[in-house]
Structure formats: C-alpha cells, structure tokens
Amino acid sequence: MHPAYFSATFGLASAASFGTADFTGGMVSKRAPVFGVLTVARTSGLAVALTLAAATHERIPSAGALLWAGAAGFIGALALPALYRALAVGKMSLAAPVTSVLCAAVPVLVAAVSEGLPHPVQICGLLLALAALWFISRPEGTLGRQGLGLALFAGVGFGTFLVCMRHATANAVYWPLATALVVSLVMAIGIMALQGESLPKLRLMPVVLVAGVLDTGGNFFFVLASQRGRLDVAAVLSSLYPAFTVLLAHLVLKERISRVQAIGMFAALIAVPLITGA
C-alpha cells in the first residue's frame, strides 16, 4: 500500500480519537474543574505512553527531541484546558470546529515553508478541507466573546503543538509523547493547586480516564501519519476531528447539525481522497 494511504488512515484515526476525546472532556468540564480534569486525563495518557514505551523497548531519543516534546507539552497544557473551557461555556458544535481551523492552518503554513508546496491535487484537497472546517464552524448561533477567544487560543496552541511533536518524533514515538505528557501533567497539577481546584468526583473518573487515553491516542496516530507523509497532510486530516465531536453532540446531546455544517462534512469527505492523491 502506498505510504500516502497509511498517512491518511492514521490521520483520520487521529481525528476520530481527538474528536471523541474532546466530546468526553468537554462533557466532564461542565461538571468538574478544568485543571482537575486535565490532571487525571494526562495521568491516564502518560500511563499508556510509558507502558507502550516499555513494551516496545523503544530507545530514548536525543535531548533535542525531548526538548521539542517538552515544548509541545507546555503548549498543550495551555491549549487543552482552553478548549475544554470553550466547550463548557459554549456549544460544542461551535467551539471545536473554530479551534480546528487554526489547528490545521498553523502546520500548513509551516510545511509550506519547510517542505515546499505539495502536489497540485493535494493543494486542492487541503484547501477544500480547510473550507470544510470553515463551513463546519459556522452553524447557527454564536459562541460569545469568551468562548470564541478561548477557541482561537486553543487552535493556535494545538497547531503549534503538532509542529513541535513532528520535530520531537522523528526517530521515536512513545518517549516523546510521554515527555510531553509529563510536562503537561506537572503544569496541570501546579495550576490546579494554585487555583484551589479539586479532582473530578469519583463517578466522573471513568469518563475522564477515557478522555485522557483517547487524547493520547489522537497524538499517537498523528505522529504515525506525520512520519509517513507531509506535516500539512497529517495535520489537516487530524484536524477533521470536529466532525466526530459534532456527530457525538448531535447523537448524545441532541444538538442540531445545520445545513451549512452538513455541507462542510460532505466537503471533507471529498477532500480526503484529494489529499491522499487517490
């Protein structure tokens, strides 16, 4: 199978994992302190990454790679709670797509500078995918100033996170992920203590643990996608996660999917084969 197909498969798997993680994390953040949620989620994700690193006997990468991973963890520790808070104060079907547009745009710009422009067909697919995210992010209603600002901040943060992880995982996967999670976990614990927040209640713990594992899974699949293809392709496919968040919000919370959102989802389906060059 052509490497582009592997990259596309992993990118879409990343989107599914991220989208489900955002839905579950946003749900819990409505009923528990954000940094308490993040602390538990990061702990479960770290446990998975360390287990896989030990099981596969992966070699610890260079100091430079770990520094990139640490930077990614620092940025992610700020971006994820911003998204969770945006999901909590606004409509899920608005906050997640707005974040994803910027999350995709940042790596696309970086890849254009560092890797050059992709094949013309792929460029069409990337542009169509960004347009799809734009349509998905424009349902009826508004986020409100607070929710919109948090979503924009989270989007830039996530895009920068993906760029840092691309540099960190050139020769390894699990140790860079674990390093990023350690930095993020330490920051979450510190901020939680300073703000006097508490951990989620015991009845919410299973959902938070699942959110943490899914978020780590999203990062893992993105790394695999970026290792087998271009950064912009992996990032844009991973950034299609709002489609999964929107669908879950519709199925579970009965949030309405507007006609514009439906058009965006259809455009995303067309964009995927163009991006892979199929």
Protein backbone atom coordinates (compact mmCIF):
# COMPACT_ATOMS: atom_id res chain seq x y z
CA MET A 1 0.00 0.00 0.00
CA HIS A 2 1.25 3.49 -0.86
CA PRO A 3 2.59 5.47 2.16
CA ALA A 4 0.03 8.21 1.46
CA TYR A 5 -2.77 5.79 2.25
CA PHE A 6 -1.17 4.84 5.56
CA SER A 7 -0.75 8.53 6.37
CA ALA A 8 -4.40 9.21 5.53
CA THR A 9 -5.62 6.26 7.58
CA PHE A 10 -3.62 7.32 10.62
CA GLY A 11 -4.69 10.94 10.15
CA LEU A 12 -8.36 10.02 10.13
CA ALA A 13 -7.85 7.71 13.12
CA SER A 14 -6.29 10.67 14.90
CA ALA A 15 -9.31 12.81 14.05
CA ALA A 16 -11.71 10.19 15.40
CA SER A 17 -9.72 9.82 18.62
CA PHE A 18 -9.32 13.59 19.14
CA GLY A 19 -12.97 14.27 18.38
CA THR A 20 -14.22 11.68 20.86
CA ALA A 21 -11.74 12.88 23.49
CA ASP A 22 -12.92 16.47 23.09
CA PHE A 23 -16.53 15.44 23.42
CA THR A 24 -15.96 13.43 26.61
CA GLY A 25 -13.58 16.02 28.07
CA GLY A 26 -15.99 18.85 27.32
CA MET A 27 -18.85 16.95 28.92
CA VAL A 28 -16.93 16.41 32.16
CA SER A 29 -15.64 20.01 32.19
CA LYS A 30 -19.22 21.18 32.55
CA ARG A 31 -19.33 19.46 35.96
CA ALA A 32 -15.72 19.50 37.21
CA PRO A 33 -12.76 21.94 37.39
CA VAL A 34 -10.86 22.06 34.11
CA PHE A 35 -7.37 21.52 35.53
CA GLY A 36 -8.62 18.72 37.73
CA VAL A 37 -9.96 17.05 34.60
CA LEU A 38 -6.69 17.70 32.78
CA THR A 39 -4.63 16.25 35.64
CA VAL A 40 -6.49 12.95 35.61
CA ALA A 41 -6.63 12.80 31.80
CA ARG A 42 -2.89 13.42 31.47
CA THR A 43 -2.16 10.79 34.12
CA SER A 44 -4.07 8.12 32.21
CA GLY A 45 -2.47 9.14 28.93
CA LEU A 46 1.00 9.08 30.49
CA ALA A 47 0.40 5.58 31.84
CA VAL A 48 -0.47 4.38 28.33
CA ALA A 49 2.58 6.05 26.73
CA LEU A 50 5.01 4.66 29.34
CA THR A 51 3.52 1.18 29.06
CA LEU A 52 3.93 1.19 25.27
CA ALA A 53 7.49 2.59 25.51
CA ALA A 54 8.47 -0.21 27.88
CA ALA A 55 6.63 -2.92 25.96
CA THR A 56 8.26 -1.99 22.64
CA HIS A 57 11.73 -1.35 24.17
CA GLU A 58 11.87 1.96 22.35
CA ARG A 59 15.18 3.78 22.73
CA ILE A 60 15.16 7.15 24.46
CA PRO A 61 15.64 9.82 21.75
CA SER A 62 18.12 12.71 21.75
CA ALA A 63 17.99 15.65 24.13
CA GLY A 64 16.89 17.89 21.28
CA ALA A 65 13.91 15.69 20.51
CA LEU A 66 12.93 15.65 24.17
CA LEU A 67 13.16 19.46 24.30
CA TRP A 68 10.75 19.68 21.36
CA ALA A 69 8.47 17.25 23.19
CA GLY A 70 8.68 19.32 26.37
CA ALA A 71 7.75 22.45 24.43
CA ALA A 72 4.79 20.59 22.96
CA GLY A 73 3.69 19.53 26.44
CA PHE A 74 3.94 23.10 27.73
CA ILE A 75 1.82 24.45 24.88
CA GLY A 76 -0.66 21.60 25.11
CA ALA A 77 -1.10 22.20 28.83
CA LEU A 78 -2.41 25.66 28.00
CA ALA A 79 -4.35 24.83 24.83
CA LEU A 80 -6.34 21.81 26.02
CA PRO A 81 -7.94 23.42 29.09
CA ALA A 82 -8.75 26.46 26.94
CA LEU A 83 -10.62 24.16 24.56
CA TYR A 84 -12.34 22.29 27.40
CA ARG A 85 -13.46 25.60 28.88
CA ALA A 86 -14.67 26.81 25.47
CA LEU A 87 -16.63 23.58 25.09
CA ALA A 88 -18.11 24.11 28.56
CA VAL A 89 -19.20 27.76 28.11
CA GLY A 90 -20.40 27.49 24.51
CA LYS A 91 -21.95 24.99 22.10
CA MET A 92 -19.71 22.03 21.45
CA SER A 93 -20.61 22.08 17.78
CA LEU A 94 -19.16 25.63 17.56
CA ALA A 95 -16.11 25.62 19.85
CA ALA A 96 -14.42 22.51 18.47
CA PRO A 97 -14.63 23.47 14.76
CA VAL A 98 -13.36 27.03 15.34
CA THR A 99 -10.37 25.57 17.17
CA SER A 100 -9.70 23.07 14.39
CA VAL A 101 -9.44 25.70 11.64
CA LEU A 102 -6.45 27.34 13.30
CA CYS A 103 -5.06 23.98 14.40
CA ALA A 104 -4.86 22.98 10.73
CA ALA A 105 -3.71 26.35 9.40
CA VAL A 106 -0.56 26.64 11.55
CA PRO A 107 1.08 23.36 10.34
CA VAL A 108 0.02 24.08 6.76
CA LEU A 109 1.93 27.37 6.83
CA VAL A 110 4.95 25.78 8.49
CA ALA A 111 5.00 22.90 5.97
CA ALA A 112 4.76 25.32 3.03
CA VAL A 113 7.95 27.00 4.27
CA SER A 114 9.90 23.92 5.42
CA GLU A 115 8.79 21.25 2.92
CA GLY A 116 7.65 23.28 -0.07
CA LEU A 117 4.26 23.11 -1.71
CA PRO A 118 2.62 19.69 -2.14
CA HIS A 119 1.24 18.25 -5.41
CA PRO A 120 -1.44 20.47 -7.02
CA VAL A 121 -4.12 17.83 -6.39
CA GLN A 122 -3.15 17.73 -2.73
CA ILE A 123 -3.26 21.52 -2.57
CA CYS A 124 -6.84 21.38 -3.83
CA GLY A 125 -7.66 18.79 -1.19
CA LEU A 126 -6.05 20.83 1.59
CA LEU A 127 -7.92 23.97 0.54
CA LEU A 128 -11.18 22.05 0.33
CA ALA A 129 -10.58 20.55 3.77
CA LEU A 130 -9.93 23.99 5.27
CA ALA A 131 -13.09 25.25 3.57
CA ALA A 132 -14.95 22.27 5.02
CA LEU A 133 -13.73 23.17 8.50
CA TRP A 134 -14.85 26.73 7.89
CA PHE A 135 -18.35 25.58 6.95
CA ILE A 136 -18.50 23.24 9.92
CA SER A 137 -17.53 26.15 12.17
CA ARG A 138 -20.44 28.31 11.01
CA PRO A 139 -23.65 26.79 12.31
CA GLU A 140 -26.46 28.94 13.62
CA GLY A 141 -25.78 30.72 16.89
CA THR A 142 -22.67 32.28 18.41
CA LEU A 143 -20.02 31.26 20.89
CA GLY A 144 -19.93 34.53 22.75
CA ARG A 145 -16.76 36.57 23.26
CA GLN A 146 -15.29 34.33 25.98
CA GLY A 147 -15.91 31.09 24.18
CA LEU A 148 -14.59 32.42 20.87
CA GLY A 149 -11.40 33.81 22.41
CA LEU A 150 -10.68 30.53 24.17
CA ALA A 151 -11.33 28.55 20.98
CA LEU A 152 -8.97 30.76 18.95
CA PHE A 153 -6.24 30.49 21.60
CA ALA A 154 -6.66 26.72 21.71
CA GLY A 155 -6.44 26.47 17.91
CA VAL A 156 -3.12 28.30 17.66
CA GLY A 157 -1.83 26.27 20.59
CA PHE A 158 -2.83 22.94 19.08
CA GLY A 159 -1.32 23.85 15.71
CA THR A 160 1.97 24.75 17.39
CA PHE A 161 1.77 21.54 19.43
CA LEU A 162 1.55 19.47 16.24
CA VAL A 163 4.56 21.22 14.74
CA CYS A 164 6.62 20.61 17.88
CA MET A 165 5.60 16.95 18.01
CA ARG A 166 6.63 16.49 14.37
CA HIS A 167 10.16 17.60 15.33
CA ALA A 168 10.15 15.54 18.52
CA THR A 169 9.13 12.24 16.94
CA ALA A 170 11.50 11.93 14.01
CA ASN A 171 13.12 8.81 15.50
CA ALA A 172 10.78 7.77 18.31
CA VAL A 173 7.11 7.84 19.27
CA TYR A 174 6.30 6.83 22.83
CA TRP A 175 9.09 8.56 24.79
CA PRO A 176 8.41 11.96 23.18
CA LEU A 177 4.70 11.50 23.90
CA ALA A 178 5.49 10.57 27.49
CA THR A 179 7.77 13.60 27.86
CA ALA A 180 5.10 15.96 26.55
CA LEU A 181 2.56 14.41 28.92
CA VAL A 182 4.89 14.72 31.93
CA VAL A 183 5.38 18.45 31.30
CA SER A 184 1.67 18.94 30.75
CA LEU A 185 0.81 16.94 33.88
CA VAL A 186 3.21 18.91 36.11
CA MET A 187 1.77 22.19 34.83
CA ALA A 188 -1.80 20.98 35.34
CA ILE A 189 -1.08 19.91 38.92
CA GLY A 190 0.62 23.23 39.68
CA ILE A 191 -2.18 25.36 38.27
CA MET A 192 -4.79 23.16 39.94
CA ALA A 193 -3.08 23.70 43.31
CA LEU A 194 -2.67 27.46 42.82
CA GLN A 195 -6.32 27.88 41.89
CA GLY A 196 -7.51 25.61 44.68
CA GLU A 197 -9.27 23.28 42.27
CA SER A 198 -10.08 19.69 43.09
CA LEU A 199 -10.03 16.45 41.15
CA PRO A 200 -13.24 15.28 39.46
CA LYS A 201 -15.64 13.31 41.61
CA LEU A 202 -15.21 9.56 41.65
CA ARG A 203 -18.30 8.98 39.50
CA LEU A 204 -16.76 11.11 36.74
CA MET A 205 -13.35 9.46 36.83
CA PRO A 206 -14.03 6.72 34.24
CA VAL A 207 -15.06 9.29 31.63
CA VAL A 208 -12.01 11.46 32.37
CA LEU A 209 -9.68 8.47 32.13
CA VAL A 210 -11.19 7.54 28.77
CA ALA A 211 -10.75 11.13 27.55
CA GLY A 212 -7.08 11.02 28.51
CA VAL A 213 -6.46 7.73 26.72
CA LEU A 214 -8.29 8.95 23.61
CA ASP A 215 -6.34 12.22 23.54
CA THR A 216 -3.07 10.31 23.76
CA GLY A 217 -4.35 8.02 21.02
CA GLY A 218 -5.02 11.03 18.83
CA ASN A 219 -1.45 12.23 19.31
CA PHE A 220 -0.10 8.76 18.60
CA PHE A 221 -1.98 8.43 15.33
CA PHE A 222 -0.95 11.94 14.28
CA VAL A 223 2.70 11.05 14.85
CA LEU A 224 2.33 7.95 12.69
CA ALA A 225 0.60 10.00 9.99
CA SER A 226 3.29 12.70 10.00
CA GLN A 227 6.11 10.11 9.91
CA ARG A 228 4.64 8.55 6.76
CA GLY A 229 3.70 11.74 4.94
CA ARG A 230 3.79 15.51 4.91
CA LEU A 231 3.15 17.58 8.02
CA ASP A 232 0.35 19.58 6.41
CA VAL A 233 -1.48 16.47 5.19
CA ALA A 234 -1.28 14.78 8.60
CA ALA A 235 -2.32 17.95 10.40
CA VAL A 236 -5.31 18.74 8.18
CA LEU A 237 -6.64 15.19 8.32
CA SER A 238 -6.19 15.11 12.10
CA SER A 239 -7.94 18.47 12.33
CA LEU A 240 -11.11 17.00 10.88
CA TYR A 241 -11.91 15.83 14.43
CA PRO A 242 -14.77 18.36 14.82
CA ALA A 243 -16.89 16.20 12.54
CA PHE A 244 -16.75 13.47 15.18
CA THR A 245 -17.39 15.94 18.02
CA VAL A 246 -20.36 17.43 16.16
CA LEU A 247 -21.81 13.99 15.42
CA LEU A 248 -21.47 12.92 19.05
CA ALA A 249 -23.00 16.20 20.24
CA HIS A 250 -25.90 15.57 17.86
CA LEU A 251 -26.41 11.93 18.86
CA VAL A 252 -25.93 12.35 22.63
CA LEU A 253 -26.89 15.97 23.38
CA LYS A 254 -29.36 16.37 20.51
CA GLU A 255 -27.53 19.46 19.24
CA ARG A 256 -28.77 20.33 15.77
CA ILE A 257 -26.48 19.92 12.76
CA SER A 258 -27.17 22.83 10.45
CA ARG A 259 -27.31 22.61 6.67
CA VAL A 260 -24.03 24.52 6.45
CA GLN A 261 -22.35 22.02 8.78
CA ALA A 262 -23.67 19.15 6.70
CA ILE A 263 -22.20 20.74 3.57
CA GLY A 264 -18.88 21.07 5.38
CA MET A 265 -18.88 17.41 6.35
CA PHE A 266 -19.65 16.39 2.77
CA ALA A 267 -16.82 18.61 1.52
CA ALA A 268 -14.47 16.95 4.00
CA LEU A 269 -15.35 13.53 2.58
CA ILE A 270 -14.42 14.77 -0.90
CA ALA A 271 -11.21 16.38 0.36
CA VAL A 272 -9.74 13.21 1.85
CA PRO A 273 -9.05 11.32 -1.43
CA LEU A 274 -7.70 14.53 -2.99
CA ILE A 275 -5.29 14.98 -0.09
CA THR A 276 -4.03 11.43 -0.43
CA GLY A 277 -3.66 11.84 -4.17
CA ALA A 278 -6.07 8.97 -4.83
